[in-house]
Amino acid sequence: MSNRDIYVAKMKLQLDELNAQMGKAEARAKEAREEVRDKYKEEMAKLHAQSQLAVAKLEELQTAGETTWEAMVAEMEKIRDAFTHSFSYFKSQVK
């Protein structure tokens, strides 16, 4: 397995784990008080959009040529980091 394949597999695993955690947080948000439930729904919509962006970028990364690989890895990591930070913030708000 090449370094590229390992990286893609690792990134996919991280995104899958974030999405699974997001599902759990979404379930908790549904149990929240009514006055905050709409805000949680809005934030979950943003998280879902970030997740879709990350998955799309990962798919693009898998087909990237060698000349664009390095730049795309940096982009992928920025997208993943933004998604992770947004999710962490959301999770800290849903208690």
N, C-alpha and C. Protein backbone atom coordinates (compact mmCIF):
# COMPACT_ATOMS: atom_id res chain seq x y z
N MET A 1 0.85 -1.18 0.00
CA MET A 1 0.00 0.00 0.00
C MET A 1 0.89 1.24 0.00
N SER A 2 0.60 2.16 -0.88
CA SER A 2 1.42 3.37 -1.00
C SER A 2 1.09 4.36 0.12
N ASN A 3 1.96 5.33 0.30
CA ASN A 3 1.72 6.37 1.30
C ASN A 3 0.43 7.12 0.99
N ARG A 4 0.18 7.30 -0.28
CA ARG A 4 -1.03 7.97 -0.73
C ARG A 4 -2.27 7.18 -0.28
N ASP A 5 -2.27 5.87 -0.51
CA ASP A 5 -3.40 5.02 -0.13
C ASP A 5 -3.59 5.03 1.39
N ILE A 6 -2.49 5.00 2.11
CA ILE A 6 -2.54 5.03 3.57
C ILE A 6 -3.15 6.34 4.05
N TYR A 7 -2.71 7.44 3.44
CA TYR A 7 -3.23 8.75 3.82
C TYR A 7 -4.74 8.84 3.56
N VAL A 8 -5.17 8.41 2.38
CA VAL A 8 -6.59 8.46 2.03
C VAL A 8 -7.41 7.59 2.97
N ALA A 9 -6.93 6.40 3.29
CA ALA A 9 -7.64 5.51 4.21
C ALA A 9 -7.73 6.14 5.60
N LYS A 10 -6.64 6.74 6.06
CA LYS A 10 -6.62 7.38 7.38
C LYS A 10 -7.61 8.55 7.41
N MET A 11 -7.61 9.36 6.35
CA MET A 11 -8.51 10.51 6.29
C MET A 11 -9.97 10.04 6.24
N LYS A 12 -10.24 9.00 5.48
CA LYS A 12 -11.60 8.47 5.39
C LYS A 12 -12.06 7.98 6.76
N LEU A 13 -11.19 7.29 7.47
CA LEU A 13 -11.52 6.80 8.80
C LEU A 13 -11.83 7.96 9.75
N GLN A 14 -11.03 9.02 9.70
CA GLN A 14 -11.27 10.18 10.55
C GLN A 14 -12.62 10.82 10.24
N LEU A 15 -12.92 10.96 8.94
CA LEU A 15 -14.20 11.56 8.56
C LEU A 15 -15.37 10.67 8.96
N ASP A 16 -15.21 9.37 8.80
CA ASP A 16 -16.27 8.43 9.21
C ASP A 16 -16.51 8.52 10.72
N GLU A 17 -15.44 8.63 11.49
CA GLU A 17 -15.58 8.74 12.95
C GLU A 17 -16.27 10.04 13.33
N LEU A 18 -15.89 11.14 12.67
CA LEU A 18 -16.54 12.42 12.95
C LEU A 18 -18.03 12.36 12.61
N ASN A 19 -18.35 11.76 11.49
CA ASN A 19 -19.76 11.65 11.09
C ASN A 19 -20.54 10.79 12.07
N ALA A 20 -19.95 9.73 12.58
CA ALA A 20 -20.62 8.88 13.56
C ALA A 20 -20.86 9.66 14.86
N GLN A 21 -19.86 10.40 15.30
CA GLN A 21 -20.01 11.21 16.50
C GLN A 21 -21.05 12.31 16.29
N MET A 22 -21.08 12.84 15.07
CA MET A 22 -22.04 13.87 14.75
C MET A 22 -23.47 13.31 14.85
N GLY A 23 -23.65 12.09 14.42
CA GLY A 23 -24.96 11.45 14.54
C GLY A 23 -25.41 11.33 15.98
N LYS A 24 -24.48 10.96 16.85
CA LYS A 24 -24.80 10.86 18.28
C LYS A 24 -25.15 12.23 18.86
N ALA A 25 -24.37 13.25 18.48
CA ALA A 25 -24.63 14.60 18.98
C ALA A 25 -25.97 15.11 18.46
N GLU A 26 -26.29 14.75 17.23
CA GLU A 26 -27.56 15.16 16.66
C GLU A 26 -28.73 14.55 17.44
N ALA A 27 -28.58 13.32 17.85
CA ALA A 27 -29.61 12.66 18.66
C ALA A 27 -29.78 13.38 20.00
N ARG A 28 -28.67 13.76 20.61
CA ARG A 28 -28.75 14.50 21.88
C ARG A 28 -29.39 15.86 21.67
N ALA A 29 -29.08 16.50 20.55
CA ALA A 29 -29.63 17.83 20.26
C ALA A 29 -31.15 17.77 20.11
N LYS A 30 -31.65 16.66 19.60
CA LYS A 30 -33.10 16.51 19.43
C LYS A 30 -33.80 16.46 20.78
N GLU A 31 -33.07 16.07 21.82
CA GLU A 31 -33.63 15.99 23.16
C GLU A 31 -33.49 17.30 23.93
N ALA A 32 -32.88 18.29 23.30
CA ALA A 32 -32.63 19.57 23.96
C ALA A 32 -33.94 20.33 24.17
N ARG A 33 -33.84 21.32 25.01
CA ARG A 33 -35.00 22.19 25.24
C ARG A 33 -35.43 22.83 23.93
N GLU A 34 -36.70 23.07 23.82
CA GLU A 34 -37.26 23.59 22.57
C GLU A 34 -36.63 24.90 22.13
N GLU A 35 -36.32 25.78 23.07
CA GLU A 35 -35.78 27.10 22.71
C GLU A 35 -34.38 27.02 22.08
N VAL A 36 -33.65 25.96 22.33
CA VAL A 36 -32.32 25.84 21.73
C VAL A 36 -32.29 24.83 20.58
N ARG A 37 -33.36 24.07 20.45
CA ARG A 37 -33.39 23.02 19.43
C ARG A 37 -33.21 23.58 18.01
N ASP A 38 -33.84 24.73 17.71
CA ASP A 38 -33.71 25.32 16.37
C ASP A 38 -32.28 25.75 16.09
N LYS A 39 -31.61 26.29 17.10
CA LYS A 39 -30.21 26.68 16.91
C LYS A 39 -29.35 25.45 16.63
N TYR A 40 -29.61 24.37 17.36
CA TYR A 40 -28.87 23.13 17.14
C TYR A 40 -29.10 22.60 15.72
N LYS A 41 -30.36 22.69 15.26
CA LYS A 41 -30.65 22.23 13.90
C LYS A 41 -29.87 23.04 12.87
N GLU A 42 -29.81 24.34 13.10
CA GLU A 42 -29.06 25.22 12.19
C GLU A 42 -27.57 24.86 12.18
N GLU A 43 -27.03 24.64 13.37
CA GLU A 43 -25.61 24.27 13.47
C GLU A 43 -25.35 22.90 12.85
N MET A 44 -26.28 21.96 13.04
CA MET A 44 -26.12 20.63 12.44
C MET A 44 -26.14 20.73 10.92
N ALA A 45 -26.96 21.61 10.37
CA ALA A 45 -26.99 21.80 8.92
C ALA A 45 -25.62 22.28 8.42
N LYS A 46 -25.01 23.18 9.17
CA LYS A 46 -23.67 23.67 8.80
C LYS A 46 -22.65 22.53 8.88
N LEU A 47 -22.76 21.71 9.93
CA LEU A 47 -21.84 20.58 10.08
C LEU A 47 -22.02 19.57 8.94
N HIS A 48 -23.25 19.32 8.56
CA HIS A 48 -23.50 18.39 7.45
C HIS A 48 -22.89 18.94 6.16
N ALA A 49 -22.99 20.25 5.96
CA ALA A 49 -22.39 20.86 4.77
C ALA A 49 -20.87 20.71 4.79
N GLN A 50 -20.27 20.91 5.96
CA GLN A 50 -18.82 20.73 6.08
C GLN A 50 -18.44 19.27 5.83
N SER A 51 -19.24 18.36 6.33
CA SER A 51 -18.98 16.94 6.12
C SER A 51 -19.03 16.60 4.63
N GLN A 52 -20.04 17.10 3.94
CA GLN A 52 -20.16 16.85 2.51
C GLN A 52 -18.98 17.44 1.75
N LEU A 53 -18.53 18.62 2.15
CA LEU A 53 -17.37 19.24 1.52
C LEU A 53 -16.13 18.39 1.73
N ALA A 54 -15.96 17.89 2.94
CA ALA A 54 -14.79 17.06 3.25
C ALA A 54 -14.82 15.75 2.46
N VAL A 55 -15.97 15.13 2.35
CA VAL A 55 -16.08 13.88 1.59
C VAL A 55 -15.80 14.14 0.11
N ALA A 56 -16.33 15.24 -0.41
CA ALA A 56 -16.09 15.58 -1.81
C ALA A 56 -14.61 15.84 -2.06
N LYS A 57 -13.97 16.54 -1.13
CA LYS A 57 -12.53 16.83 -1.28
C LYS A 57 -11.73 15.54 -1.20
N LEU A 58 -12.14 14.62 -0.34
CA LEU A 58 -11.44 13.34 -0.23
C LEU A 58 -11.56 12.57 -1.54
N GLU A 59 -12.74 12.57 -2.14
CA GLU A 59 -12.92 11.90 -3.43
C GLU A 59 -12.05 12.53 -4.50
N GLU A 60 -11.97 13.86 -4.48
CA GLU A 60 -11.12 14.59 -5.43
C GLU A 60 -9.65 14.24 -5.19
N LEU A 61 -9.29 14.13 -3.94
CA LEU A 61 -7.91 13.81 -3.56
C LEU A 61 -7.51 12.42 -4.07
N GLN A 62 -8.45 11.48 -4.03
CA GLN A 62 -8.17 10.12 -4.47
C GLN A 62 -7.82 10.06 -5.95
N THR A 63 -8.36 10.97 -6.73
CA THR A 63 -8.11 10.94 -8.18
C THR A 63 -7.09 11.99 -8.62
N ALA A 64 -6.52 12.70 -7.67
CA ALA A 64 -5.57 13.77 -8.00
C ALA A 64 -4.30 13.21 -8.62
N GLY A 65 -3.77 13.96 -9.53
CA GLY A 65 -2.49 13.60 -10.13
C GLY A 65 -1.35 13.95 -9.19
N GLU A 66 -0.19 13.41 -9.49
CA GLU A 66 0.98 13.65 -8.63
C GLU A 66 1.32 15.13 -8.51
N THR A 67 1.07 15.90 -9.56
CA THR A 67 1.45 17.32 -9.53
C THR A 67 0.57 18.14 -8.59
N THR A 68 -0.66 17.71 -8.37
CA THR A 68 -1.56 18.46 -7.50
C THR A 68 -1.73 17.82 -6.12
N TRP A 69 -1.16 16.66 -5.92
CA TRP A 69 -1.35 15.90 -4.69
C TRP A 69 -0.99 16.70 -3.43
N GLU A 70 0.19 17.27 -3.40
CA GLU A 70 0.67 18.00 -2.21
C GLU A 70 -0.27 19.15 -1.83
N ALA A 71 -0.66 19.94 -2.82
CA ALA A 71 -1.54 21.08 -2.55
C ALA A 71 -2.90 20.58 -2.06
N MET A 72 -3.37 19.50 -2.62
CA MET A 72 -4.67 18.97 -2.24
C MET A 72 -4.65 18.38 -0.83
N VAL A 73 -3.53 17.80 -0.44
CA VAL A 73 -3.40 17.27 0.92
C VAL A 73 -3.53 18.43 1.91
N ALA A 74 -2.87 19.54 1.62
CA ALA A 74 -2.95 20.71 2.51
C ALA A 74 -4.39 21.22 2.59
N GLU A 75 -5.09 21.27 1.45
CA GLU A 75 -6.49 21.69 1.44
C GLU A 75 -7.35 20.73 2.24
N MET A 76 -7.12 19.43 2.05
CA MET A 76 -7.90 18.41 2.74
C MET A 76 -7.73 18.55 4.24
N GLU A 77 -6.53 18.79 4.68
CA GLU A 77 -6.28 18.92 6.12
C GLU A 77 -6.93 20.17 6.69
N LYS A 78 -6.96 21.26 5.92
CA LYS A 78 -7.64 22.48 6.38
C LYS A 78 -9.13 22.24 6.52
N ILE A 79 -9.71 21.55 5.54
CA ILE A 79 -11.14 21.26 5.57
C ILE A 79 -11.45 20.33 6.75
N ARG A 80 -10.63 19.29 6.92
CA ARG A 80 -10.85 18.37 8.04
C ARG A 80 -10.71 19.09 9.38
N ASP A 81 -9.70 19.95 9.51
CA ASP A 81 -9.50 20.68 10.76
C ASP A 81 -10.68 21.61 11.05
N ALA A 82 -11.18 22.30 10.03
CA ALA A 82 -12.32 23.19 10.23
C ALA A 82 -13.55 22.39 10.66
N PHE A 83 -13.76 21.25 10.03
CA PHE A 83 -14.89 20.38 10.37
C PHE A 83 -14.73 19.88 11.81
N THR A 84 -13.54 19.44 12.16
CA THR A 84 -13.28 18.94 13.51
C THR A 84 -13.52 20.03 14.55
N HIS A 85 -13.01 21.24 14.30
CA HIS A 85 -13.18 22.33 15.26
C HIS A 85 -14.65 22.73 15.39
N SER A 86 -15.35 22.81 14.26
CA SER A 86 -16.78 23.15 14.29
C SER A 86 -17.55 22.10 15.08
N PHE A 87 -17.24 20.84 14.84
CA PHE A 87 -17.93 19.78 15.55
C PHE A 87 -17.61 19.82 17.04
N SER A 88 -16.37 20.04 17.38
CA SER A 88 -15.98 20.10 18.80
C SER A 88 -16.72 21.23 19.51
N TYR A 89 -16.84 22.36 18.84
CA TYR A 89 -17.58 23.48 19.43
C TYR A 89 -19.04 23.10 19.61
N PHE A 90 -19.64 22.53 18.58
CA PHE A 90 -21.04 22.12 18.66
C PHE A 90 -21.24 21.13 19.81
N LYS A 91 -20.35 20.16 19.87
CA LYS A 91 -20.46 19.12 20.92
C LYS A 91 -20.36 19.74 22.31
N SER A 92 -19.54 20.76 22.45
CA SER A 92 -19.41 21.40 23.76
C SER A 92 -20.67 22.17 24.14
N GLN A 93 -21.46 22.55 23.16
CA GLN A 93 -22.70 23.28 23.41
C GLN A 93 -23.88 22.37 23.71
N VAL A 94 -23.79 21.10 23.28
CA VAL A 94 -24.89 20.15 23.47
C VAL A 94 -24.56 19.29 24.67
N LYS A 95 -25.06 19.66 25.79
CA LYS A 95 -24.79 18.89 27.01
C LYS A 95 -26.05 18.64 27.74
